[in-house]
Amino acid sequence: MFAPTRYLAAIALVFAVVAAPSVAQDRAVRMTAVRAAAMRACNIKAAPYVPHTWGNFGLYVYRACMAEHHQAE
C-alpha cells in the first residue's frame, strides 16, 4: 500500500531536482552589453538627485534616460 506512494514521491523528487535548473534558466533575464551600458550611464546621470532633497526626480531622470537609450526601465 505504501510502496506506490513512495515510488511516486521519489519520481516526483527526481523530476523536481532535474527539471528545476532548466526551468529557472529559461526564465532568467539575459543582460545584453547594450542594456548594461545604458543602465550604467543612466545611473550616473541620476546619481546627483538624492531622494531626501529631490524626491522622485532622480527616478524620473533615470526613466527618461533609459527611454532615450530605447531600453525598458
N, C-alpha and C. Protein backbone atom coordinates (compact mmCIF):
# COMPACT_ATOMS: atom_id res chain seq x y z
N MET A 1 0.81 -1.19 0.00
CA MET A 1 0.00 0.00 0.00
C MET A 1 0.86 1.26 0.00
N PHE A 2 1.95 1.25 0.74
CA PHE A 2 2.81 2.42 0.80
C PHE A 2 3.84 2.45 -0.33
N ALA A 3 4.11 1.32 -0.94
CA ALA A 3 5.15 1.24 -1.96
C ALA A 3 4.84 2.14 -3.17
N PRO A 4 3.65 2.13 -3.76
CA PRO A 4 3.40 3.03 -4.91
C PRO A 4 3.52 4.50 -4.53
N THR A 5 3.11 4.85 -3.33
CA THR A 5 3.21 6.23 -2.90
C THR A 5 4.67 6.66 -2.77
N ARG A 6 5.49 5.78 -2.23
CA ARG A 6 6.92 6.09 -2.09
C ARG A 6 7.59 6.22 -3.45
N TYR A 7 7.24 5.33 -4.37
CA TYR A 7 7.83 5.40 -5.70
C TYR A 7 7.41 6.68 -6.43
N LEU A 8 6.15 7.03 -6.30
CA LEU A 8 5.68 8.26 -6.93
C LEU A 8 6.36 9.48 -6.32
N ALA A 9 6.52 9.46 -5.02
CA ALA A 9 7.20 10.58 -4.35
C ALA A 9 8.65 10.67 -4.79
N ALA A 10 9.31 9.54 -4.92
CA ALA A 10 10.71 9.52 -5.36
C ALA A 10 10.83 10.03 -6.79
N ILE A 11 9.93 9.60 -7.65
CA ILE A 11 9.95 10.05 -9.04
C ILE A 11 9.69 11.56 -9.12
N ALA A 12 8.76 12.04 -8.34
CA ALA A 12 8.47 13.47 -8.32
C ALA A 12 9.67 14.27 -7.82
N LEU A 13 10.35 13.77 -6.81
CA LEU A 13 11.53 14.43 -6.28
C LEU A 13 12.64 14.48 -7.32
N VAL A 14 12.89 13.37 -7.99
CA VAL A 14 13.92 13.32 -9.02
C VAL A 14 13.58 14.29 -10.15
N PHE A 15 12.34 14.30 -10.56
CA PHE A 15 11.91 15.21 -11.63
C PHE A 15 12.10 16.67 -11.21
N ALA A 16 11.75 17.00 -9.98
CA ALA A 16 11.90 18.37 -9.50
C ALA A 16 13.36 18.79 -9.46
N VAL A 17 14.23 17.90 -9.05
CA VAL A 17 15.66 18.23 -8.97
C VAL A 17 16.26 18.38 -10.36
N VAL A 18 15.85 17.54 -11.28
CA VAL A 18 16.41 17.57 -12.63
C VAL A 18 15.82 18.72 -13.45
N ALA A 19 14.55 18.99 -13.31
CA ALA A 19 13.89 19.98 -14.15
C ALA A 19 14.03 21.41 -13.63
N ALA A 20 14.24 21.60 -12.35
CA ALA A 20 14.27 22.95 -11.77
C ALA A 20 15.34 23.85 -12.38
N PRO A 21 16.58 23.41 -12.54
CA PRO A 21 17.57 24.33 -13.12
C PRO A 21 17.26 24.75 -14.56
N SER A 22 16.72 23.86 -15.35
CA SER A 22 16.42 24.22 -16.73
C SER A 22 15.25 25.20 -16.81
N VAL A 23 14.27 25.05 -15.94
CA VAL A 23 13.14 25.97 -15.92
C VAL A 23 13.62 27.34 -15.46
N ALA A 24 14.44 27.38 -14.43
CA ALA A 24 14.94 28.65 -13.91
C ALA A 24 15.82 29.35 -14.95
N GLN A 25 16.58 28.60 -15.69
CA GLN A 25 17.45 29.19 -16.69
C GLN A 25 16.64 29.80 -17.83
N ASP A 26 15.55 29.19 -18.20
CA ASP A 26 14.72 29.72 -19.28
C ASP A 26 14.07 31.04 -18.88
N ARG A 27 13.75 31.20 -17.61
CA ARG A 27 13.07 32.40 -17.16
C ARG A 27 14.03 33.52 -16.76
N ALA A 28 15.30 33.27 -16.77
CA ALA A 28 16.27 34.28 -16.38
C ALA A 28 16.31 35.41 -17.41
N VAL A 29 16.47 36.61 -16.91
CA VAL A 29 16.58 37.76 -17.80
C VAL A 29 18.02 37.84 -18.26
N ARG A 30 18.20 37.87 -19.55
CA ARG A 30 19.55 37.94 -20.09
C ARG A 30 19.94 39.40 -20.30
N MET A 31 21.03 39.79 -19.68
CA MET A 31 21.51 41.16 -19.77
C MET A 31 22.44 41.29 -20.97
N THR A 32 22.11 42.19 -21.86
CA THR A 32 22.98 42.44 -23.01
C THR A 32 23.96 43.55 -22.65
N ALA A 33 25.01 43.65 -23.42
CA ALA A 33 26.02 44.69 -23.18
C ALA A 33 25.43 46.08 -23.40
N VAL A 34 24.50 46.20 -24.35
CA VAL A 34 23.88 47.49 -24.64
C VAL A 34 23.03 47.93 -23.45
N ARG A 35 22.27 46.99 -22.89
CA ARG A 35 21.43 47.33 -21.73
C ARG A 35 22.28 47.66 -20.51
N ALA A 36 23.35 46.92 -20.31
CA ALA A 36 24.24 47.19 -19.18
C ALA A 36 24.86 48.58 -19.30
N ALA A 37 25.28 48.94 -20.51
CA ALA A 37 25.87 50.26 -20.72
C ALA A 37 24.84 51.37 -20.49
N ALA A 38 23.61 51.14 -20.93
CA ALA A 38 22.55 52.13 -20.73
C ALA A 38 22.24 52.29 -19.25
N MET A 39 22.16 51.19 -18.53
CA MET A 39 21.88 51.26 -17.09
C MET A 39 23.00 52.00 -16.36
N ARG A 40 24.24 51.71 -16.74
CA ARG A 40 25.38 52.38 -16.11
C ARG A 40 25.32 53.88 -16.35
N ALA A 41 25.09 54.28 -17.59
CA ALA A 41 25.03 55.70 -17.94
C ALA A 41 23.87 56.40 -17.24
N CYS A 42 22.74 55.75 -17.18
CA CYS A 42 21.56 56.37 -16.57
C CYS A 42 21.69 56.45 -15.05
N ASN A 43 22.31 55.46 -14.44
CA ASN A 43 22.54 55.54 -13.00
C ASN A 43 23.49 56.69 -12.66
N ILE A 44 24.49 56.89 -13.49
CA ILE A 44 25.41 58.01 -13.27
C ILE A 44 24.68 59.33 -13.45
N LYS A 45 23.82 59.40 -14.44
CA LYS A 45 23.08 60.63 -14.72
C LYS A 45 22.10 60.97 -13.59
N ALA A 46 21.49 59.95 -12.97
CA ALA A 46 20.50 60.17 -11.92
C ALA A 46 21.11 60.26 -10.53
N ALA A 47 22.38 59.93 -10.38
CA ALA A 47 23.01 59.87 -9.06
C ALA A 47 22.98 61.18 -8.27
N PRO A 48 23.14 62.35 -8.89
CA PRO A 48 23.15 63.58 -8.08
C PRO A 48 21.82 63.91 -7.42
N TYR A 49 20.75 63.33 -7.89
CA TYR A 49 19.43 63.67 -7.39
C TYR A 49 19.02 62.71 -6.27
N VAL A 50 19.48 62.96 -5.08
CA VAL A 50 19.19 62.07 -3.95
C VAL A 50 17.77 62.29 -3.46
N PRO A 51 17.12 61.24 -2.97
CA PRO A 51 15.70 61.35 -2.61
C PRO A 51 15.40 62.34 -1.50
N HIS A 52 16.29 62.53 -0.53
CA HIS A 52 15.93 63.40 0.59
C HIS A 52 15.94 64.89 0.21
N THR A 53 16.52 65.23 -0.93
CA THR A 53 16.45 66.63 -1.37
C THR A 53 15.63 66.80 -2.65
N TRP A 54 15.65 65.80 -3.53
CA TRP A 54 14.99 65.93 -4.81
C TRP A 54 13.72 65.10 -4.94
N GLY A 55 13.40 64.30 -3.97
CA GLY A 55 12.20 63.47 -4.05
C GLY A 55 12.34 62.41 -5.13
N ASN A 56 11.35 62.32 -6.00
CA ASN A 56 11.35 61.31 -7.06
C ASN A 56 12.02 61.78 -8.35
N PHE A 57 12.62 62.94 -8.36
CA PHE A 57 13.18 63.49 -9.59
C PHE A 57 14.27 62.60 -10.17
N GLY A 58 15.09 61.99 -9.31
CA GLY A 58 16.14 61.09 -9.78
C GLY A 58 15.58 59.90 -10.54
N LEU A 59 14.45 59.39 -10.06
CA LEU A 59 13.78 58.28 -10.75
C LEU A 59 13.29 58.71 -12.12
N TYR A 60 12.75 59.92 -12.20
CA TYR A 60 12.27 60.42 -13.48
C TYR A 60 13.42 60.63 -14.47
N VAL A 61 14.56 61.10 -13.95
CA VAL A 61 15.74 61.28 -14.81
C VAL A 61 16.21 59.93 -15.32
N TYR A 62 16.23 58.93 -14.43
CA TYR A 62 16.65 57.58 -14.83
C TYR A 62 15.71 57.01 -15.89
N ARG A 63 14.41 57.15 -15.68
CA ARG A 63 13.43 56.63 -16.65
C ARG A 63 13.57 57.31 -18.00
N ALA A 64 13.74 58.63 -18.00
CA ALA A 64 13.89 59.36 -19.26
C ALA A 64 15.16 58.94 -19.97
N CYS A 65 16.22 58.75 -19.22
CA CYS A 65 17.49 58.33 -19.81
C CYS A 65 17.36 56.93 -20.44
N MET A 66 16.70 56.02 -19.74
CA MET A 66 16.53 54.68 -20.30
C MET A 66 15.66 54.72 -21.56
N ALA A 67 14.67 55.60 -21.58
CA ALA A 67 13.85 55.75 -22.79
C ALA A 67 14.68 56.30 -23.94
N GLU A 68 15.59 57.22 -23.64
CA GLU A 68 16.48 57.75 -24.69
C GLU A 68 17.37 56.67 -25.28
N HIS A 69 17.72 55.69 -24.45
CA HIS A 69 18.55 54.58 -24.91
C HIS A 69 17.72 53.42 -25.49
N HIS A 70 16.40 53.61 -25.60
CA HIS A 70 15.48 52.59 -26.13
C HIS A 70 15.52 51.31 -25.30
N GLN A 71 15.52 51.48 -23.98
CA GLN A 71 15.53 50.34 -23.07
C GLN A 71 14.34 50.47 -22.12
N ALA A 72 13.88 49.34 -21.61
CA ALA A 72 12.85 49.36 -20.59
C ALA A 72 13.47 49.82 -19.27
N GLU A 73 12.63 50.36 -18.41
CA GLU A 73 13.14 50.81 -17.11
C GLU A 73 13.77 49.65 -16.45
